[in-house]
Amino acid sequence: MRIGVEIVAALIVGVAIGYFLDRWLGTKPWFLLLFFVLGAAAGFMNVFRVVGGLGGQVGYRNKSEPTGSENGRDPAEGQDPADRRNGDG
C-alpha cells in the first residue's frame, strides 16, 4: 500500500505545481508536463528507496558502518584540549 501512496502523492504534488505555474505564467501545458515527469521520477525514486530498504530514519546508522575511526572512537578524543582549540590536530 505504501508504494502506491508514494507514487500517487508524488504525481499529485508534481501536477499541482505544474498546473498552478501554468495558470500563473500562461504557459499551458508545459509546466504541467514537466512537473508530471518530475513527480513520476520522484515517486519511482521513493519506491526504489522503500523497496531497497534505504528509507531509514534520519540519524540511523547500520552497525556495519564505521563511526569515524577504526576502533569506533572519536579521532579527536585523545588530543590535548589546547591542540583542538588551536587547530593543531
C-alpha atoms as a PDB file:
ATOM      1  CA  MET A   1       0.000   0.000   0.000  1.00  0.00           C
ATOM      2  CA  ARG A   2       2.839   2.405   0.830  1.00  0.00           C
ATOM      3  CA  ILE A   3       4.344   2.011  -2.628  1.00  0.00           C
ATOM      4  CA  GLY A   4       1.125   3.121  -4.315  1.00  0.00           C
ATOM      5  CA  VAL A   5       0.787   6.067  -1.971  1.00  0.00           C
ATOM      6  CA  GLU A   6       4.372   7.145  -2.694  1.00  0.00           C
ATOM      7  CA  ILE A   7       3.792   7.249  -6.452  1.00  0.00           C
ATOM      8  CA  VAL A   8       0.361   8.878  -6.291  1.00  0.00           C
ATOM      9  CA  ALA A   9       1.454  11.539  -3.782  1.00  0.00           C
ATOM     10  CA  ALA A  10       4.494  12.485  -5.860  1.00  0.00           C
ATOM     11  CA  LEU A  11       2.356  12.719  -9.008  1.00  0.00           C
ATOM     12  CA  ILE A  12      -0.292  14.855  -7.273  1.00  0.00           C
ATOM     13  CA  VAL A  13       2.326  17.265  -5.959  1.00  0.00           C
ATOM     14  CA  GLY A  14       4.085  17.471  -9.329  1.00  0.00           C
ATOM     15  CA  VAL A  15       0.886  18.008 -11.301  1.00  0.00           C
ATOM     16  CA  ALA A  16      -0.377  20.618  -8.823  1.00  0.00           C
ATOM     17  CA  ILE A  17       2.851  22.611  -9.020  1.00  0.00           C
ATOM     18  CA  GLY A  18       2.842  22.440 -12.831  1.00  0.00           C
ATOM     19  CA  TYR A  19      -0.836  23.373 -13.071  1.00  0.00           C
ATOM     20  CA  PHE A  20      -0.505  26.441 -10.870  1.00  0.00           C
ATOM     21  CA  LEU A  21       2.696  27.577 -12.579  1.00  0.00           C
ATOM     22  CA  ASP A  22       0.951  27.268 -15.956  1.00  0.00           C
ATOM     23  CA  ARG A  23      -2.041  29.280 -14.750  1.00  0.00           C
ATOM     24  CA  TRP A  24       0.207  31.948 -13.244  1.00  0.00           C
ATOM     25  CA  LEU A  25       2.573  32.261 -16.209  1.00  0.00           C
ATOM     26  CA  GLY A  26       0.126  31.400 -19.016  1.00  0.00           C
ATOM     27  CA  THR A  27       2.319  28.645 -20.424  1.00  0.00           C
ATOM     28  CA  LYS A  28      -0.203  25.784 -20.663  1.00  0.00           C
ATOM     29  CA  PRO A  29       0.672  22.815 -20.757  1.00  0.00           C
ATOM     30  CA  TRP A  30       4.456  22.982 -20.494  1.00  0.00           C
ATOM     31  CA  PHE A  31       4.989  23.218 -16.734  1.00  0.00           C
ATOM     32  CA  LEU A  32       2.230  20.670 -16.149  1.00  0.00           C
ATOM     33  CA  LEU A  33       4.026  18.178 -18.371  1.00  0.00           C
ATOM     34  CA  LEU A  34       7.434  18.977 -16.898  1.00  0.00           C
ATOM     35  CA  PHE A  35       6.323  18.607 -13.300  1.00  0.00           C
ATOM     36  CA  PHE A  36       4.311  15.491 -14.133  1.00  0.00           C
ATOM     37  CA  VAL A  37       7.514  13.856 -15.342  1.00  0.00           C
ATOM     38  CA  LEU A  38       9.476  15.151 -12.334  1.00  0.00           C
ATOM     39  CA  GLY A  39       6.759  13.914  -9.965  1.00  0.00           C
ATOM     40  CA  ALA A  40       6.763  10.490 -11.606  1.00  0.00           C
ATOM     41  CA  ALA A  41      10.540  10.309 -11.299  1.00  0.00           C
ATOM     42  CA  ALA A  42      10.382  11.341  -7.635  1.00  0.00           C
ATOM     43  CA  GLY A  43       7.681   8.746  -6.987  1.00  0.00           C
ATOM     44  CA  PHE A  44       9.713   5.962  -8.546  1.00  0.00           C
ATOM     45  CA  MET A  45      12.818   7.046  -6.647  1.00  0.00           C
ATOM     46  CA  ASN A  46      10.821   6.851  -3.410  1.00  0.00           C
ATOM     47  CA  VAL A  47       9.576   3.374  -4.365  1.00  0.00           C
ATOM     48  CA  PHE A  48      13.115   2.164  -5.040  1.00  0.00           C
ATOM     49  CA  ARG A  49      14.207   3.654  -1.721  1.00  0.00           C
ATOM     50  CA  VAL A  50      11.421   1.829   0.139  1.00  0.00           C
ATOM     51  CA  VAL A  51      11.972  -1.468  -1.664  1.00  0.00           C
ATOM     52  CA  GLY A  52      15.748  -1.304  -1.228  1.00  0.00           C
ATOM     53  CA  GLY A  53      15.469  -0.601   2.488  1.00  0.00           C
ATOM     54  CA  LEU A  54      17.117   2.788   2.158  1.00  0.00           C
ATOM     55  CA  GLY A  55      14.257   4.680   3.789  1.00  0.00           C
ATOM     56  CA  GLY A  56      15.705   4.577   7.313  1.00  0.00           C
ATOM     57  CA  GLN A  57      15.143   7.246   9.878  1.00  0.00           C
ATOM     58  CA  VAL A  58      17.274  10.356   9.998  1.00  0.00           C
ATOM     59  CA  GLY A  59      20.405   9.638  12.008  1.00  0.00           C
ATOM     60  CA  TYR A  60      20.010   5.879  11.656  1.00  0.00           C
ATOM     61  CA  ARG A  61      23.290   4.081  11.163  1.00  0.00           C
ATOM     62  CA  ASN A  62      23.850   0.413  10.383  1.00  0.00           C
ATOM     63  CA  LYS A  63      26.084  -1.378  12.846  1.00  0.00           C
ATOM     64  CA  SER A  64      28.380  -2.367   9.983  1.00  0.00           C
ATOM     65  CA  GLU A  65      29.144   1.264   9.091  1.00  0.00           C
ATOM     66  CA  PRO A  66      32.293   2.816  10.569  1.00  0.00           C
ATOM     67  CA  THR A  67      31.757   5.511  13.174  1.00  0.00           C
ATOM     68  CA  GLY A  68      34.685   7.791  12.318  1.00  0.00           C
ATOM     69  CA  SER A  69      37.771   5.771  13.167  1.00  0.00           C
ATOM     70  CA  GLU A  70      38.973   2.205  13.158  1.00  0.00           C
ATOM     71  CA  ASN A  71      38.181   1.496  16.810  1.00  0.00           C
ATOM     72  CA  GLY A  72      34.819   3.283  16.850  1.00  0.00           C
ATOM     73  CA  ARG A  73      36.017   6.233  18.951  1.00  0.00           C
ATOM     74  CA  ASP A  74      36.159   9.902  18.112  1.00  0.00           C
ATOM     75  CA  PRO A  75      39.531  10.657  16.434  1.00  0.00           C
ATOM     76  CA  ALA A  76      39.852  13.913  18.403  1.00  0.00           C
ATOM     77  CA  GLU A  77      39.139  12.198  21.727  1.00  0.00           C
ATOM     78  CA  GLY A  78      42.788  11.550  22.610  1.00  0.00           C
ATOM     79  CA  GLN A  79      44.008  15.050  21.781  1.00  0.00           C
ATOM     80  CA  ASP A  80      45.016  17.669  24.262  1.00  0.00           C
ATOM     81  CA  PRO A  81      42.206  20.281  24.542  1.00  0.00           C
ATOM     82  CA  ALA A  82      44.682  23.088  23.805  1.00  0.00           C
ATOM     83  CA  ASP A  83      45.553  21.437  20.481  1.00  0.00           C
ATOM     84  CA  ARG A  84      41.877  21.274  19.465  1.00  0.00           C
ATOM     85  CA  ARG A  85      41.371  24.981  20.152  1.00  0.00           C
ATOM     86  CA  ASN A  86      44.390  25.960  18.080  1.00  0.00           C
ATOM     87  CA  GLY A  87      43.509  23.654  15.207  1.00  0.00           C
ATOM     88  CA  ASP A  88      46.810  21.788  15.517  1.00  0.00           C
ATOM     89  CA  GLY A  89      45.242  18.357  15.493  1.00  0.00           C
END
